[in-house]
């Protein structure tokens, strides 16, 4: 089976989309599927080090993202979105690859299935 591209466009705190994207990605690699988790727009905030989830009512997802990377999920963050969220490369969790729009387009093109969160 080919790669599954999971695109996260929403912030990790405010709704369940980010948590579901990470959960599905971890489940996929646990079933030995090839998963690309692609973070765009405010979804890149999932890759921010030292996330402050206080007062959100949501579980902190930074450690879950790190676990998914350790399990074999390939995580990509859109370079332009990182800039738009006032983040620097140093702010990004280790193991997340910062890529441009053309590289993201290629990942999606090569994927067998695409899921959007």
Foldseek 3Di string as FASTA:
>chain_A
DFEEEEEEADAVFDDCRLVVSLVVLQVQLVVVHAYEYEYAANSQNLFFPPDDCPPRPDDNCVVSVVVSLVSPHQYEYEPVNCVVVVHDPVRGHPRYHYDHPVVVVVVVVRGPHYHYD
